[in-house]
N, C-alpha and C. Protein backbone atom coordinates (compact mmCIF):
# COMPACT_ATOMS: atom_id res chain seq x y z
N MET A 1 0.83 -1.17 0.00
CA MET A 1 0.00 0.00 0.00
C MET A 1 0.89 1.25 0.00
N LYS A 2 0.57 2.20 -0.85
CA LYS A 2 1.35 3.42 -1.01
C LYS A 2 0.82 4.51 -0.10
N LYS A 3 1.75 5.18 0.60
CA LYS A 3 1.37 6.27 1.49
C LYS A 3 1.30 7.57 0.69
N LEU A 4 0.21 8.31 0.80
CA LEU A 4 0.06 9.57 0.10
C LEU A 4 0.69 10.71 0.92
N SER A 5 1.42 11.57 0.23
CA SER A 5 2.06 12.70 0.88
C SER A 5 1.12 13.90 0.82
N ALA A 6 0.94 14.55 1.96
CA ALA A 6 0.01 15.68 2.02
C ALA A 6 0.73 17.03 2.02
N GLY A 7 2.06 17.07 1.91
CA GLY A 7 2.77 18.34 1.97
C GLY A 7 4.11 18.24 1.26
N PHE A 8 4.97 19.22 1.55
CA PHE A 8 6.30 19.28 0.96
C PHE A 8 7.31 18.73 1.95
N THR A 9 8.37 18.19 1.42
CA THR A 9 9.44 17.73 2.29
C THR A 9 10.34 18.91 2.64
N LEU A 10 11.15 18.73 3.67
CA LEU A 10 12.06 19.78 4.11
C LEU A 10 13.05 20.14 3.00
N ILE A 11 13.52 19.17 2.27
CA ILE A 11 14.47 19.40 1.17
C ILE A 11 13.83 20.25 0.08
N GLU A 12 12.61 19.97 -0.29
CA GLU A 12 11.91 20.74 -1.31
C GLU A 12 11.74 22.20 -0.89
N ILE A 13 11.40 22.40 0.36
CA ILE A 13 11.24 23.77 0.86
C ILE A 13 12.57 24.51 0.85
N LEU A 14 13.66 23.86 1.27
CA LEU A 14 14.97 24.49 1.28
C LEU A 14 15.45 24.84 -0.13
N VAL A 15 15.19 23.96 -1.09
CA VAL A 15 15.58 24.24 -2.47
C VAL A 15 14.80 25.44 -3.00
N ALA A 16 13.52 25.49 -2.73
CA ALA A 16 12.69 26.62 -3.19
C ALA A 16 13.15 27.93 -2.53
N MET A 17 13.47 27.89 -1.24
CA MET A 17 13.95 29.10 -0.55
C MET A 17 15.29 29.56 -1.11
N THR A 18 16.17 28.63 -1.46
CA THR A 18 17.47 28.97 -2.03
C THR A 18 17.30 29.65 -3.39
N ILE A 19 16.41 29.12 -4.20
CA ILE A 19 16.16 29.70 -5.52
C ILE A 19 15.61 31.12 -5.37
N VAL A 20 14.67 31.33 -4.46
CA VAL A 20 14.11 32.65 -4.23
C VAL A 20 15.19 33.61 -3.73
N ALA A 21 16.06 33.17 -2.84
CA ALA A 21 17.13 34.02 -2.31
C ALA A 21 18.11 34.43 -3.41
N VAL A 22 18.46 33.50 -4.28
CA VAL A 22 19.38 33.83 -5.38
C VAL A 22 18.75 34.83 -6.33
N LEU A 23 17.50 34.62 -6.70
CA LEU A 23 16.82 35.55 -7.60
C LEU A 23 16.66 36.94 -6.97
N THR A 24 16.39 36.99 -5.68
CA THR A 24 16.27 38.27 -4.98
C THR A 24 17.59 39.02 -4.97
N SER A 25 18.67 38.31 -4.67
CA SER A 25 19.98 38.99 -4.63
C SER A 25 20.39 39.48 -6.01
N LEU A 26 20.10 38.75 -7.06
CA LEU A 26 20.41 39.20 -8.42
C LEU A 26 19.62 40.45 -8.78
N SER A 27 18.36 40.49 -8.38
CA SER A 27 17.56 41.66 -8.72
C SER A 27 18.02 42.89 -7.93
N LEU A 28 18.48 42.72 -6.69
CA LEU A 28 18.97 43.85 -5.91
C LEU A 28 20.25 44.42 -6.50
N VAL A 29 21.12 43.56 -7.02
CA VAL A 29 22.35 44.03 -7.65
C VAL A 29 22.04 44.86 -8.89
N SER A 30 21.12 44.39 -9.71
CA SER A 30 20.78 45.14 -10.92
C SER A 30 20.03 46.43 -10.57
N LEU A 31 19.28 46.43 -9.47
CA LEU A 31 18.58 47.64 -9.05
C LEU A 31 19.58 48.72 -8.63
N GLN A 32 20.65 48.34 -7.94
CA GLN A 32 21.67 49.31 -7.54
C GLN A 32 22.33 49.94 -8.77
N GLY A 33 22.61 49.13 -9.79
CA GLY A 33 23.19 49.66 -11.02
C GLY A 33 22.25 50.64 -11.71
N ALA A 34 20.98 50.33 -11.71
CA ALA A 34 19.99 51.22 -12.33
C ALA A 34 19.89 52.53 -11.56
N ARG A 35 20.02 52.48 -10.24
CA ARG A 35 19.98 53.70 -9.44
C ARG A 35 21.18 54.59 -9.75
N LYS A 36 22.35 54.00 -9.91
CA LYS A 36 23.55 54.77 -10.24
C LYS A 36 23.38 55.47 -11.59
N VAL A 37 22.88 54.75 -12.57
CA VAL A 37 22.66 55.33 -13.89
C VAL A 37 21.64 56.47 -13.82
N ALA A 38 20.60 56.29 -13.01
CA ALA A 38 19.59 57.34 -12.87
C ALA A 38 20.17 58.59 -12.22
N ARG A 39 21.00 58.41 -11.19
CA ARG A 39 21.63 59.57 -10.54
C ARG A 39 22.59 60.28 -11.50
N ASP A 40 23.31 59.50 -12.32
CA ASP A 40 24.19 60.11 -13.31
C ASP A 40 23.39 60.90 -14.34
N GLY A 41 22.25 60.37 -14.74
CA GLY A 41 21.37 61.10 -15.66
C GLY A 41 20.89 62.40 -15.06
N LYS A 42 20.58 62.38 -13.76
CA LYS A 42 20.17 63.61 -13.06
C LYS A 42 21.31 64.62 -13.04
N ARG A 43 22.53 64.16 -12.80
CA ARG A 43 23.69 65.06 -12.79
C ARG A 43 23.87 65.72 -14.16
N LYS A 44 23.77 64.93 -15.22
CA LYS A 44 23.93 65.47 -16.57
C LYS A 44 22.82 66.47 -16.90
N ALA A 45 21.59 66.16 -16.50
CA ALA A 45 20.47 67.07 -16.74
C ALA A 45 20.65 68.37 -15.95
N ASP A 46 21.16 68.25 -14.71
CA ASP A 46 21.42 69.46 -13.91
C ASP A 46 22.46 70.35 -14.60
N LEU A 47 23.53 69.74 -15.11
CA LEU A 47 24.57 70.54 -15.77
C LEU A 47 24.04 71.20 -17.02
N GLU A 48 23.17 70.54 -17.75
CA GLU A 48 22.58 71.15 -18.94
C GLU A 48 21.65 72.30 -18.56
N GLN A 49 20.94 72.17 -17.44
CA GLN A 49 20.08 73.25 -16.96
C GLN A 49 20.93 74.45 -16.55
N ILE A 50 22.02 74.20 -15.86
CA ILE A 50 22.92 75.28 -15.46
C ILE A 50 23.55 75.93 -16.69
N ARG A 51 23.96 75.10 -17.66
CA ARG A 51 24.55 75.63 -18.90
C ARG A 51 23.57 76.56 -19.60
N SER A 52 22.33 76.16 -19.65
CA SER A 52 21.31 76.99 -20.29
C SER A 52 21.16 78.33 -19.57
N ALA A 53 21.13 78.30 -18.23
CA ALA A 53 21.04 79.54 -17.46
C ALA A 53 22.28 80.40 -17.66
N LEU A 54 23.45 79.78 -17.77
CA LEU A 54 24.68 80.53 -18.02
C LEU A 54 24.63 81.25 -19.36
N GLU A 55 24.12 80.56 -20.37
CA GLU A 55 24.03 81.17 -21.70
C GLU A 55 23.03 82.33 -21.73
N ILE A 56 21.93 82.18 -21.02
CA ILE A 56 20.96 83.28 -20.95
C ILE A 56 21.59 84.47 -20.22
N TYR A 57 22.29 84.19 -19.11
CA TYR A 57 22.98 85.24 -18.36
C TYR A 57 23.97 85.97 -19.27
N ARG A 58 24.76 85.19 -20.02
CA ARG A 58 25.78 85.79 -20.90
C ARG A 58 25.13 86.64 -22.00
N SER A 59 23.99 86.20 -22.53
CA SER A 59 23.35 86.98 -23.59
C SER A 59 22.85 88.33 -23.07
N GLU A 60 22.55 88.41 -21.79
CA GLU A 60 22.07 89.67 -21.23
C GLU A 60 23.19 90.53 -20.65
N VAL A 61 24.18 89.91 -20.00
CA VAL A 61 25.22 90.66 -19.30
C VAL A 61 26.51 90.75 -20.13
N LYS A 62 26.62 89.94 -21.18
CA LYS A 62 27.79 89.91 -22.07
C LYS A 62 29.03 89.29 -21.43
N ALA A 63 28.86 88.55 -20.34
CA ALA A 63 29.96 87.82 -19.70
C ALA A 63 29.34 86.73 -18.83
N TYR A 64 30.13 85.70 -18.53
CA TYR A 64 29.65 84.65 -17.64
C TYR A 64 29.81 85.12 -16.19
N PRO A 65 28.96 84.65 -15.29
CA PRO A 65 29.02 85.11 -13.90
C PRO A 65 30.25 84.57 -13.17
N PRO A 66 30.70 85.25 -12.12
CA PRO A 66 31.84 84.77 -11.35
C PRO A 66 31.51 83.53 -10.52
N SER A 67 30.23 83.34 -10.17
CA SER A 67 29.81 82.13 -9.44
C SER A 67 28.40 81.76 -9.87
N LEU A 68 28.01 80.53 -9.57
CA LEU A 68 26.66 80.08 -9.93
C LEU A 68 25.59 80.77 -9.10
N GLU A 69 25.95 81.31 -7.97
CA GLU A 69 24.98 82.00 -7.12
C GLU A 69 24.41 83.24 -7.81
N ASN A 70 25.13 83.79 -8.78
CA ASN A 70 24.63 84.95 -9.53
C ASN A 70 23.42 84.59 -10.40
N LEU A 71 23.19 83.30 -10.63
CA LEU A 71 22.07 82.86 -11.46
C LEU A 71 20.77 82.75 -10.66
N VAL A 72 20.88 82.65 -9.34
CA VAL A 72 19.71 82.41 -8.49
C VAL A 72 18.84 83.66 -8.47
N GLY A 73 17.54 83.43 -8.60
CA GLY A 73 16.57 84.52 -8.54
C GLY A 73 16.00 84.86 -9.90
N VAL A 74 16.86 85.20 -10.85
CA VAL A 74 16.39 85.62 -12.17
C VAL A 74 16.43 84.46 -13.16
N TYR A 75 17.52 83.71 -13.19
CA TYR A 75 17.74 82.69 -14.21
C TYR A 75 17.41 81.28 -13.72
N MET A 76 17.47 81.07 -12.40
CA MET A 76 17.14 79.78 -11.80
C MET A 76 16.55 80.04 -10.41
N ASP A 77 15.65 79.15 -9.98
CA ASP A 77 15.13 79.27 -8.61
C ASP A 77 16.22 78.95 -7.60
N GLU A 78 16.97 77.91 -7.87
CA GLU A 78 18.10 77.52 -7.04
C GLU A 78 19.08 76.74 -7.90
N VAL A 79 20.33 76.76 -7.50
CA VAL A 79 21.34 76.00 -8.23
C VAL A 79 21.26 74.55 -7.75
N PRO A 80 21.01 73.59 -8.66
CA PRO A 80 20.90 72.20 -8.22
C PRO A 80 22.23 71.68 -7.72
N GLY A 81 22.17 70.70 -6.84
CA GLY A 81 23.37 70.07 -6.30
C GLY A 81 23.39 68.59 -6.63
N ASP A 82 24.48 67.97 -6.29
CA ASP A 82 24.65 66.54 -6.52
C ASP A 82 23.55 65.76 -5.80
N PRO A 83 22.92 64.78 -6.45
CA PRO A 83 21.81 64.06 -5.82
C PRO A 83 22.22 63.21 -4.62
N VAL A 84 23.49 62.85 -4.50
CA VAL A 84 23.92 62.04 -3.37
C VAL A 84 24.48 62.90 -2.25
N SER A 85 25.48 63.70 -2.56
CA SER A 85 26.15 64.48 -1.53
C SER A 85 25.48 65.82 -1.25
N GLY A 86 24.74 66.36 -2.23
CA GLY A 86 24.14 67.67 -2.07
C GLY A 86 25.11 68.81 -2.35
N ASN A 87 26.38 68.49 -2.59
CA ASN A 87 27.37 69.52 -2.90
C ASN A 87 27.08 70.14 -4.25
N SER A 88 27.51 71.38 -4.41
CA SER A 88 27.31 72.02 -5.71
C SER A 88 28.30 71.47 -6.72
N TYR A 89 27.95 71.61 -7.97
CA TYR A 89 28.83 71.15 -9.04
C TYR A 89 30.00 72.11 -9.19
N VAL A 90 31.07 71.64 -9.79
CA VAL A 90 32.26 72.47 -9.95
C VAL A 90 32.05 73.42 -11.11
N TYR A 91 32.12 74.70 -10.83
CA TYR A 91 32.01 75.74 -11.85
C TYR A 91 33.29 76.56 -11.80
N ASN A 92 33.95 76.65 -12.94
CA ASN A 92 35.21 77.38 -13.01
C ASN A 92 35.14 78.36 -14.18
N PRO A 93 34.86 79.65 -13.90
CA PRO A 93 34.85 80.63 -14.99
C PRO A 93 36.29 80.90 -15.44
N ILE A 94 36.58 80.60 -16.69
CA ILE A 94 37.93 80.77 -17.23
C ILE A 94 38.16 82.24 -17.59
N SER A 95 37.19 82.82 -18.26
CA SER A 95 37.26 84.23 -18.66
C SER A 95 35.83 84.73 -18.81
N ALA A 96 35.68 85.94 -19.32
CA ALA A 96 34.34 86.48 -19.55
C ALA A 96 33.60 85.69 -20.62
N ASN A 97 34.33 84.94 -21.45
CA ASN A 97 33.72 84.22 -22.57
C ASN A 97 33.85 82.71 -22.48
N SER A 98 34.34 82.16 -21.38
CA SER A 98 34.48 80.70 -21.29
C SER A 98 34.37 80.23 -19.84
N TYR A 99 34.00 78.96 -19.68
CA TYR A 99 33.85 78.36 -18.36
C TYR A 99 33.98 76.84 -18.47
N LEU A 100 34.17 76.21 -17.33
CA LEU A 100 34.11 74.75 -17.19
C LEU A 100 33.07 74.44 -16.13
N LEU A 101 32.26 73.44 -16.38
CA LEU A 101 31.25 72.99 -15.44
C LEU A 101 31.37 71.48 -15.40
N CYS A 102 31.63 70.91 -14.21
CA CYS A 102 31.95 69.49 -14.12
C CYS A 102 31.16 68.79 -13.03
N SER A 103 31.08 67.46 -13.19
CA SER A 103 30.43 66.61 -12.19
C SER A 103 31.10 65.25 -12.13
N TYR A 104 31.04 64.64 -10.97
CA TYR A 104 31.48 63.27 -10.77
C TYR A 104 30.35 62.34 -11.20
N LEU A 105 30.67 61.25 -11.89
CA LEU A 105 29.68 60.25 -12.26
C LEU A 105 29.98 58.96 -11.52
N GLU A 106 28.93 58.30 -11.02
CA GLU A 106 29.12 57.05 -10.29
C GLU A 106 29.49 55.90 -11.22
N THR A 107 28.95 55.92 -12.42
CA THR A 107 29.31 54.89 -13.38
C THR A 107 30.60 55.34 -14.04
N ASN A 108 31.70 55.04 -13.38
CA ASN A 108 33.04 55.48 -13.76
C ASN A 108 33.28 55.22 -15.24
N GLN A 109 33.63 56.26 -15.95
CA GLN A 109 33.86 56.16 -17.39
C GLN A 109 35.30 55.78 -17.71
N GLY A 110 36.15 55.69 -16.71
CA GLY A 110 37.55 55.34 -16.93
C GLY A 110 38.44 56.56 -16.91
N PRO A 111 39.74 56.35 -16.86
CA PRO A 111 40.67 57.47 -16.74
C PRO A 111 40.70 58.38 -17.96
N ASP A 112 40.27 57.90 -19.11
CA ASP A 112 40.28 58.73 -20.31
C ASP A 112 39.25 59.86 -20.22
N TYR A 113 38.28 59.74 -19.35
CA TYR A 113 37.23 60.73 -19.24
C TYR A 113 37.47 61.71 -18.10
N ASP A 114 38.60 61.59 -17.42
CA ASP A 114 38.90 62.48 -16.30
C ASP A 114 39.06 63.91 -16.81
N SER A 115 38.37 64.84 -16.18
CA SER A 115 38.43 66.24 -16.57
C SER A 115 39.11 67.04 -15.48
N ASP A 116 39.89 68.00 -15.84
CA ASP A 116 40.50 68.91 -14.88
C ASP A 116 39.66 70.17 -14.85
N CYS A 117 38.89 70.34 -13.79
CA CYS A 117 38.01 71.51 -13.66
C CYS A 117 38.54 72.54 -12.70
N GLY A 118 39.67 72.29 -12.13
CA GLY A 118 40.18 73.23 -11.14
C GLY A 118 39.45 73.11 -9.82
N GLY A 119 38.83 71.99 -9.57
CA GLY A 119 38.11 71.74 -8.32
C GLY A 119 37.97 70.25 -8.12
N THR A 120 37.23 69.86 -7.12
CA THR A 120 37.02 68.45 -6.88
C THR A 120 35.54 68.09 -6.99
N CYS A 121 35.25 66.99 -7.63
CA CYS A 121 33.88 66.52 -7.83
C CYS A 121 33.62 65.28 -6.97
N GLY A 122 34.41 65.02 -6.02
CA GLY A 122 34.36 63.76 -5.29
C GLY A 122 35.73 63.16 -5.43
N SER A 123 35.89 62.20 -6.30
CA SER A 123 37.24 61.69 -6.55
C SER A 123 37.74 62.19 -7.90
N HIS A 124 36.94 62.10 -8.95
CA HIS A 124 37.33 62.59 -10.27
C HIS A 124 36.10 63.19 -10.96
N CYS A 125 36.32 64.18 -11.78
CA CYS A 125 35.24 64.75 -12.58
C CYS A 125 35.18 63.98 -13.89
N TYR A 126 34.08 63.32 -14.15
CA TYR A 126 33.98 62.49 -15.35
C TYR A 126 33.08 63.09 -16.42
N TYR A 127 32.35 64.13 -16.09
CA TYR A 127 31.46 64.73 -17.07
C TYR A 127 31.69 66.23 -17.07
N LYS A 128 31.95 66.79 -18.23
CA LYS A 128 32.32 68.19 -18.33
C LYS A 128 31.47 68.89 -19.37
N VAL A 129 30.99 70.09 -19.03
CA VAL A 129 30.30 70.98 -19.95
C VAL A 129 31.16 72.23 -20.03
N THR A 130 31.43 72.67 -21.23
CA THR A 130 32.33 73.82 -21.37
C THR A 130 31.89 74.70 -22.52
N ASN A 131 32.42 75.90 -22.54
CA ASN A 131 32.16 76.82 -23.64
C ASN A 131 33.46 77.54 -23.99
N TYR A 132 34.38 76.82 -24.59
CA TYR A 132 35.61 77.42 -25.14
C TYR A 132 36.27 76.49 -26.09
């Protein structure tokens, strides 16, 4: 006479829990990568917004401002900062007609993308907006 099983064995439950744990850990790793890419996209969008305000300022004043704080009020509500640290982006006015604007990116682009902005973006500035 064959005995009917009414549930799962301990081994079956452990195998199922292991599979769920592995799939969960893989999804968390990919989620962290997606968050880094999203923050880098925000940094790039912030620099483009600042660049646009700088160009509007230059068209009216005929020179770039000595600091980004000169843009607040008329050209921008506030100068955006880094989404992780909250620090402001590196702005280096070279002359009345040129500037460097830089940010650190979490998705490291490699040493070939290192920019010298005359400031620090964290460890290295990997994204640069310039007008010269």
